[in-house]
PDB file of all heavy atoms in Angstrom:
ATOM      1  N   LYS A   1       0.815  -1.223   0.000  1.00  0.00           N
ATOM      2  CA  LYS A   1       0.000   0.000   0.000  1.00  0.00           C
ATOM      3  C   LYS A   1       0.850   1.276   0.000  1.00  0.00           C
ATOM      4  O   LYS A   1       0.567   2.239   0.702  1.00  0.00           O
ATOM      5  CB  LYS A   1      -0.942   0.012   1.215  1.00  0.00           C
ATOM      6  CG  LYS A   1      -1.815  -1.227   1.338  1.00  0.00           C
ATOM      7  CD  LYS A   1      -2.712  -1.410   0.128  1.00  0.00           C
ATOM      8  CE  LYS A   1      -3.613  -2.635   0.298  1.00  0.00           C
ATOM      9  NZ  LYS A   1      -4.440  -2.889  -0.904  1.00  0.00           N
ATOM     10  N   LYS A   2       1.935   1.236  -0.773  1.00  0.00           N
ATOM     11  CA  LYS A   2       2.827   2.391  -0.944  1.00  0.00           C
ATOM     12  C   LYS A   2       3.427   2.886   0.376  1.00  0.00           C
ATOM     13  O   LYS A   2       3.645   4.088   0.565  1.00  0.00           O
ATOM     14  CB  LYS A   2       2.109   3.530  -1.656  1.00  0.00           C
ATOM     15  CG  LYS A   2       1.716   3.197  -3.086  1.00  0.00           C
ATOM     16  CD  LYS A   2       1.252   4.410  -3.865  1.00  0.00           C
ATOM     17  CE  LYS A   2       0.993   4.061  -5.317  1.00  0.00           C
ATOM     18  NZ  LYS A   2       0.581   5.215  -6.128  1.00  0.00           N
ATOM     19  N   SER A   3       3.730   1.954   1.247  1.00  0.00           N
ATOM     20  CA  SER A   3       4.402   2.286   2.513  1.00  0.00           C
ATOM     21  C   SER A   3       5.906   2.064   2.343  1.00  0.00           C
ATOM     22  O   SER A   3       6.364   0.918   2.205  1.00  0.00           O
ATOM     23  CB  SER A   3       3.873   1.419   3.654  1.00  0.00           C
ATOM     24  OG  SER A   3       4.658   1.570   4.816  1.00  0.00           O
ATOM     25  N   SER A   4       6.678   3.136   2.346  1.00  0.00           N
ATOM     26  CA  SER A   4       8.130   3.026   2.151  1.00  0.00           C
ATOM     27  C   SER A   4       8.799   2.297   3.311  1.00  0.00           C
ATOM     28  O   SER A   4       9.761   1.551   3.118  1.00  0.00           O
ATOM     29  CB  SER A   4       8.731   4.419   1.987  1.00  0.00           C
ATOM     30  OG  SER A   4       8.225   5.052   0.837  1.00  0.00           O
ATOM     31  N   SER A   5       8.308   2.513   4.539  1.00  0.00           N
ATOM     32  CA  SER A   5       8.900   1.834   5.692  1.00  0.00           C
ATOM     33  C   SER A   5       8.659   0.327   5.615  1.00  0.00           C
ATOM     34  O   SER A   5       9.550  -0.472   5.928  1.00  0.00           O
ATOM     35  CB  SER A   5       8.323   2.392   6.989  1.00  0.00           C
ATOM     36  OG  SER A   5       6.917   2.215   7.034  1.00  0.00           O
ATOM     37  N   ASN A   6       7.466  -0.079   5.164  1.00  0.00           N
ATOM     38  CA  ASN A   6       7.193  -1.509   5.003  1.00  0.00           C
ATOM     39  C   ASN A   6       8.029  -2.105   3.869  1.00  0.00           C
ATOM     40  O   ASN A   6       8.410  -3.276   3.919  1.00  0.00           O
ATOM     41  CB  ASN A   6       5.707  -1.736   4.725  1.00  0.00           C
ATOM     42  CG  ASN A   6       4.845  -1.527   5.954  1.00  0.00           C
ATOM     43  OD1 ASN A   6       5.343  -1.555   7.087  1.00  0.00           O
ATOM     44  ND2 ASN A   6       3.557  -1.303   5.756  1.00  0.00           N
ATOM     45  N   LEU A   7       8.283  -1.300   2.845  1.00  0.00           N
ATOM     46  CA  LEU A   7       9.143  -1.773   1.759  1.00  0.00           C
ATOM     47  C   LEU A   7      10.542  -2.074   2.283  1.00  0.00           C
ATOM     48  O   LEU A   7      11.133  -3.104   1.947  1.00  0.00           O
ATOM     49  CB  LEU A   7       9.208  -0.726   0.645  1.00  0.00           C
ATOM     50  CG  LEU A   7      10.181  -1.037  -0.503  1.00  0.00           C
ATOM     51  CD1 LEU A   7       9.770  -2.302  -1.242  1.00  0.00           C
ATOM     52  CD2 LEU A   7      10.271   0.139  -1.471  1.00  0.00           C
ATOM     53  N   LEU A   8      11.083  -1.181   3.107  1.00  0.00           N
ATOM     54  CA  LEU A   8      12.414  -1.413   3.678  1.00  0.00           C
ATOM     55  C   LEU A   8      12.427  -2.667   4.558  1.00  0.00           C
ATOM     56  O   LEU A   8      13.397  -3.433   4.549  1.00  0.00           O
ATOM     57  CB  LEU A   8      12.845  -0.192   4.488  1.00  0.00           C
ATOM     58  CG  LEU A   8      13.222   1.047   3.666  1.00  0.00           C
ATOM     59  CD1 LEU A   8      13.396   2.257   4.568  1.00  0.00           C
ATOM     60  CD2 LEU A   8      14.502   0.797   2.869  1.00  0.00           C
ATOM     61  N   LEU A   9      11.347  -2.886   5.307  1.00  0.00           N
ATOM     62  CA  LEU A   9      11.261  -4.086   6.141  1.00  0.00           C
ATOM     63  C   LEU A   9      11.195  -5.340   5.265  1.00  0.00           C
ATOM     64  O   LEU A   9      11.821  -6.369   5.579  1.00  0.00           O
ATOM     65  CB  LEU A   9      10.036  -4.006   7.048  1.00  0.00           C
ATOM     66  CG  LEU A   9       9.866  -5.152   8.055  1.00  0.00           C
ATOM     67  CD1 LEU A   9      11.058  -5.211   9.004  1.00  0.00           C
ATOM     68  CD2 LEU A   9       8.565  -4.990   8.829  1.00  0.00           C
ATOM     69  N   PHE A  10      10.476  -5.242   4.159  1.00  0.00           N
ATOM     70  CA  PHE A  10      10.404  -6.371   3.224  1.00  0.00           C
ATOM     71  C   PHE A  10      11.782  -6.679   2.638  1.00  0.00           C
ATOM     72  O   PHE A  10      12.170  -7.850   2.505  1.00  0.00           O
ATOM     73  CB  PHE A  10       9.418  -6.044   2.099  1.00  0.00           C
ATOM     74  CG  PHE A  10       9.420  -7.045   0.978  1.00  0.00           C
ATOM     75  CD1 PHE A  10       8.757  -8.253   1.093  1.00  0.00           C
ATOM     76  CD2 PHE A  10      10.110  -6.782  -0.210  1.00  0.00           C
ATOM     77  CE1 PHE A  10       8.769  -9.178   0.059  1.00  0.00           C
ATOM     78  CE2 PHE A  10      10.128  -7.700  -1.241  1.00  0.00           C
ATOM     79  CZ  PHE A  10       9.454  -8.900  -1.113  1.00  0.00           C
ATOM     80  N   LEU A  11      12.522  -5.636   2.292  1.00  0.00           N
ATOM     81  CA  LEU A  11      13.868  -5.844   1.749  1.00  0.00           C
ATOM     82  C   LEU A  11      14.793  -6.463   2.788  1.00  0.00           C
ATOM     83  O   LEU A  11      15.663  -7.271   2.445  1.00  0.00           O
ATOM     84  CB  LEU A  11      14.440  -4.509   1.261  1.00  0.00           C
ATOM     85  CG  LEU A  11      13.713  -3.837   0.089  1.00  0.00           C
ATOM     86  CD1 LEU A  11      14.336  -2.484  -0.214  1.00  0.00           C
ATOM     87  CD2 LEU A  11      13.735  -4.721  -1.149  1.00  0.00           C
ATOM     88  N   ALA A  12      14.618  -6.091   4.046  1.00  0.00           N
ATOM     89  CA  ALA A  12      15.493  -6.599   5.113  1.00  0.00           C
ATOM     90  C   ALA A  12      15.194  -8.049   5.469  1.00  0.00           C
ATOM     91  O   ALA A  12      16.098  -8.787   5.881  1.00  0.00           O
ATOM     92  CB  ALA A  12      15.361  -5.719   6.353  1.00  0.00           C
ATOM     93  N   LEU A  13      13.934  -8.471   5.326  1.00  0.00           N
ATOM     94  CA  LEU A  13      13.548  -9.817   5.743  1.00  0.00           C
ATOM     95  C   LEU A  13      13.184 -10.720   4.561  1.00  0.00           C
ATOM     96  O   LEU A  13      13.592 -11.886   4.518  1.00  0.00           O
ATOM     97  CB  LEU A  13      12.354  -9.745   6.709  1.00  0.00           C
ATOM     98  CG  LEU A  13      12.582  -8.965   8.007  1.00  0.00           C
ATOM     99  CD1 LEU A  13      11.307  -8.955   8.842  1.00  0.00           C
ATOM    100  CD2 LEU A  13      13.731  -9.553   8.802  1.00  0.00           C
ATOM    101  N   GLY A  14      12.436 -10.193   3.612  1.00  0.00           N
ATOM    102  CA  GLY A  14      11.952 -11.020   2.510  1.00  0.00           C
ATOM    103  C   GLY A  14      13.040 -11.462   1.550  1.00  0.00           C
ATOM    104  O   GLY A  14      13.087 -12.645   1.159  1.00  0.00           O
ATOM    105  N   ILE A  15      13.929 -10.543   1.182  1.00  0.00           N
ATOM    106  CA  ILE A  15      14.998 -10.889   0.236  1.00  0.00           C
ATOM    107  C   ILE A  15      15.955 -11.935   0.826  1.00  0.00           C
ATOM    108  O   ILE A  15      16.277 -12.923   0.153  1.00  0.00           O
ATOM    109  CB  ILE A  15      15.782  -9.625  -0.197  1.00  0.00           C
ATOM    110  CG1 ILE A  15      14.843  -8.631  -0.883  1.00  0.00           C
ATOM    111  CG2 ILE A  15      16.924  -9.994  -1.127  1.00  0.00           C
ATOM    112  CD1 ILE A  15      14.124  -9.180  -2.082  1.00  0.00           C
ATOM    113  N   PRO A  16      16.431 -11.777   2.070  1.00  0.00           N
ATOM    114  CA  PRO A  16      17.273 -12.839   2.648  1.00  0.00           C
ATOM    115  C   PRO A  16      16.573 -14.189   2.712  1.00  0.00           C
ATOM    116  O   PRO A  16      17.193 -15.229   2.465  1.00  0.00           O
ATOM    117  CB  PRO A  16      17.587 -12.304   4.049  1.00  0.00           C
ATOM    118  CG  PRO A  16      17.506 -10.828   3.908  1.00  0.00           C
ATOM    119  CD  PRO A  16      16.386 -10.591   2.942  1.00  0.00           C
ATOM    120  N   ALA A  17      15.273 -14.200   3.041  1.00  0.00           N
ATOM    121  CA  ALA A  17      14.542 -15.462   3.091  1.00  0.00           C
ATOM    122  C   ALA A  17      14.503 -16.123   1.713  1.00  0.00           C
ATOM    123  O   ALA A  17      14.676 -17.349   1.588  1.00  0.00           O
ATOM    124  CB  ALA A  17      13.120 -15.216   3.600  1.00  0.00           C
ATOM    125  N   LEU A  18      14.296 -15.327   0.670  1.00  0.00           N
ATOM    126  CA  LEU A  18      14.280 -15.852  -0.692  1.00  0.00           C
ATOM    127  C   LEU A  18      15.639 -16.430  -1.079  1.00  0.00           C
ATOM    128  O   LEU A  18      15.729 -17.515  -1.668  1.00  0.00           O
ATOM    129  CB  LEU A  18      13.878 -14.749  -1.661  1.00  0.00           C
ATOM    130  CG  LEU A  18      13.877 -15.104  -3.152  1.00  0.00           C
ATOM    131  CD1 LEU A  18      12.877 -16.209  -3.438  1.00  0.00           C
ATOM    132  CD2 LEU A  18      13.560 -13.872  -3.999  1.00  0.00           C
ATOM    133  N   SER A  19      16.699 -15.723  -0.736  1.00  0.00           N
ATOM    134  CA  SER A  19      18.050 -16.199  -1.061  1.00  0.00           C
ATOM    135  C   SER A  19      18.362 -17.511  -0.354  1.00  0.00           C
ATOM    136  O   SER A  19      18.926 -18.438  -0.951  1.00  0.00           O
ATOM    137  CB  SER A  19      19.082 -15.136  -0.680  1.00  0.00           C
ATOM    138  OG  SER A  19      20.391 -15.621  -0.876  1.00  0.00           O
ATOM    139  N   LEU A  20      17.985 -17.603   0.911  1.00  0.00           N
ATOM    140  CA  LEU A  20      18.227 -18.841   1.662  1.00  0.00           C
ATOM    141  C   LEU A  20      17.476 -20.014   1.037  1.00  0.00           C
ATOM    142  O   LEU A  20      17.979 -21.146   1.013  1.00  0.00           O
ATOM    143  CB  LEU A  20      17.800 -18.656   3.120  1.00  0.00           C
ATOM    144  CG  LEU A  20      18.679 -17.732   3.977  1.00  0.00           C
ATOM    145  CD1 LEU A  20      18.041 -17.501   5.337  1.00  0.00           C
ATOM    146  CD2 LEU A  20      20.083 -18.312   4.138  1.00  0.00           C
ATOM    147  N   ALA A  21      16.275 -19.754   0.521  1.00  0.00           N
ATOM    148  CA  ALA A  21      15.481 -20.821  -0.089  1.00  0.00           C
ATOM    149  C   ALA A  21      16.075 -21.285  -1.424  1.00  0.00           C
ATOM    150  O   ALA A  21      15.932 -22.457  -1.794  1.00  0.00           O
ATOM    151  CB  ALA A  21      14.047 -20.339  -0.299  1.00  0.00           C
ATOM    152  N   MET A  22      16.765 -20.394  -2.136  1.00  0.00           N
ATOM    153  CA  MET A  22      17.260 -20.709  -3.476  1.00  0.00           C
ATOM    154  C   MET A  22      18.698 -21.216  -3.497  1.00  0.00           C
ATOM    155  O   MET A  22      19.112 -21.830  -4.485  1.00  0.00           O
ATOM    156  CB  MET A  22      17.156 -19.475  -4.372  1.00  0.00           C
ATOM    157  CG  MET A  22      15.739 -18.998  -4.672  1.00  0.00           C
ATOM    158  SD  MET A  22      14.765 -20.184  -5.632  1.00  0.00           S
ATOM    159  CE  MET A  22      13.620 -20.748  -4.355  1.00  0.00           C
ATOM    160  N   MET A  23      19.474 -20.952  -2.463  1.00  0.00           N
ATOM    161  CA  MET A  23      20.918 -21.194  -2.565  1.00  0.00           C
ATOM    162  C   MET A  23      21.271 -22.664  -2.782  1.00  0.00           C
ATOM    163  O   MET A  23      22.297 -22.971  -3.385  1.00  0.00           O
ATOM    164  CB  MET A  23      21.653 -20.632  -1.341  1.00  0.00           C
ATOM    165  CG  MET A  23      21.343 -21.293  -0.032  1.00  0.00           C
ATOM    166  SD  MET A  23      22.429 -20.682   1.294  1.00  0.00           S
ATOM    167  CE  MET A  23      22.157 -18.917   1.226  1.00  0.00           C
ATOM    168  N   TYR A  24      20.432 -23.582  -2.332  1.00  0.00           N
ATOM    169  CA  TYR A  24      20.735 -25.001  -2.531  1.00  0.00           C
ATOM    170  C   TYR A  24      20.707 -25.377  -4.010  1.00  0.00           C
ATOM    171  O   TYR A  24      21.434 -26.268  -4.459  1.00  0.00           O
ATOM    172  CB  TYR A  24      19.736 -25.858  -1.756  1.00  0.00           C
ATOM    173  CG  TYR A  24      19.822 -27.336  -2.076  1.00  0.00           C
ATOM    174  CD1 TYR A  24      20.856 -28.121  -1.559  1.00  0.00           C
ATOM    175  CD2 TYR A  24      18.908 -27.941  -2.940  1.00  0.00           C
ATOM    176  CE1 TYR A  24      20.949 -29.478  -1.872  1.00  0.00           C
ATOM    177  CE2 TYR A  24      18.990 -29.278  -3.257  1.00  0.00           C
ATOM    178  CZ  TYR A  24      20.009 -30.047  -2.724  1.00  0.00           C
ATOM    179  OH  TYR A  24      20.103 -31.373  -3.044  1.00  0.00           O
ATOM    180  N   PHE A  25      19.858 -24.700  -4.779  1.00  0.00           N
ATOM    181  CA  PHE A  25      19.623 -25.098  -6.168  1.00  0.00           C
ATOM    182  C   PHE A  25      20.597 -24.451  -7.152  1.00  0.00           C
ATOM    183  O   PHE A  25      20.678 -24.881  -8.303  1.00  0.00           O
ATOM    184  CB  PHE A  25      18.189 -24.728  -6.573  1.00  0.00           C
ATOM    185  CG  PHE A  25      17.150 -25.369  -5.701  1.00  0.00           C
ATOM    186  CD1 PHE A  25      16.525 -24.640  -4.699  1.00  0.00           C
ATOM    187  CD2 PHE A  25      16.807 -26.698  -5.857  1.00  0.00           C
ATOM    188  CE1 PHE A  25      15.566 -25.220  -3.885  1.00  0.00           C
ATOM    189  CE2 PHE A  25      15.850 -27.296  -5.056  1.00  0.00           C
ATOM    190  CZ  PHE A  25      15.228 -26.550  -4.065  1.00  0.00           C
ATOM    191  N   VAL A  26      21.305 -23.415  -6.723  1.00  0.00           N
ATOM    192  CA  VAL A  26      22.261 -22.743  -7.610  1.00  0.00           C
ATOM    193  C   VAL A  26      23.629 -23.397  -7.425  1.00  0.00           C
ATOM    194  O   VAL A  26      24.325 -23.150  -6.441  1.00  0.00           O
ATOM    195  CB  VAL A  26      22.345 -21.232  -7.301  1.00  0.00           C
ATOM    196  CG1 VAL A  26      23.356 -20.561  -8.230  1.00  0.00           C
ATOM    197  CG2 VAL A  26      20.984 -20.584  -7.450  1.00  0.00           C
TER     198      VAL A  26
END
């Protein structure tokens, strides 16, 4: 909903979680 603070929180938590999920397959 165009919340910049929530975007930063997503980048801090969501991106690392995605990387951890993918690293086995690369």
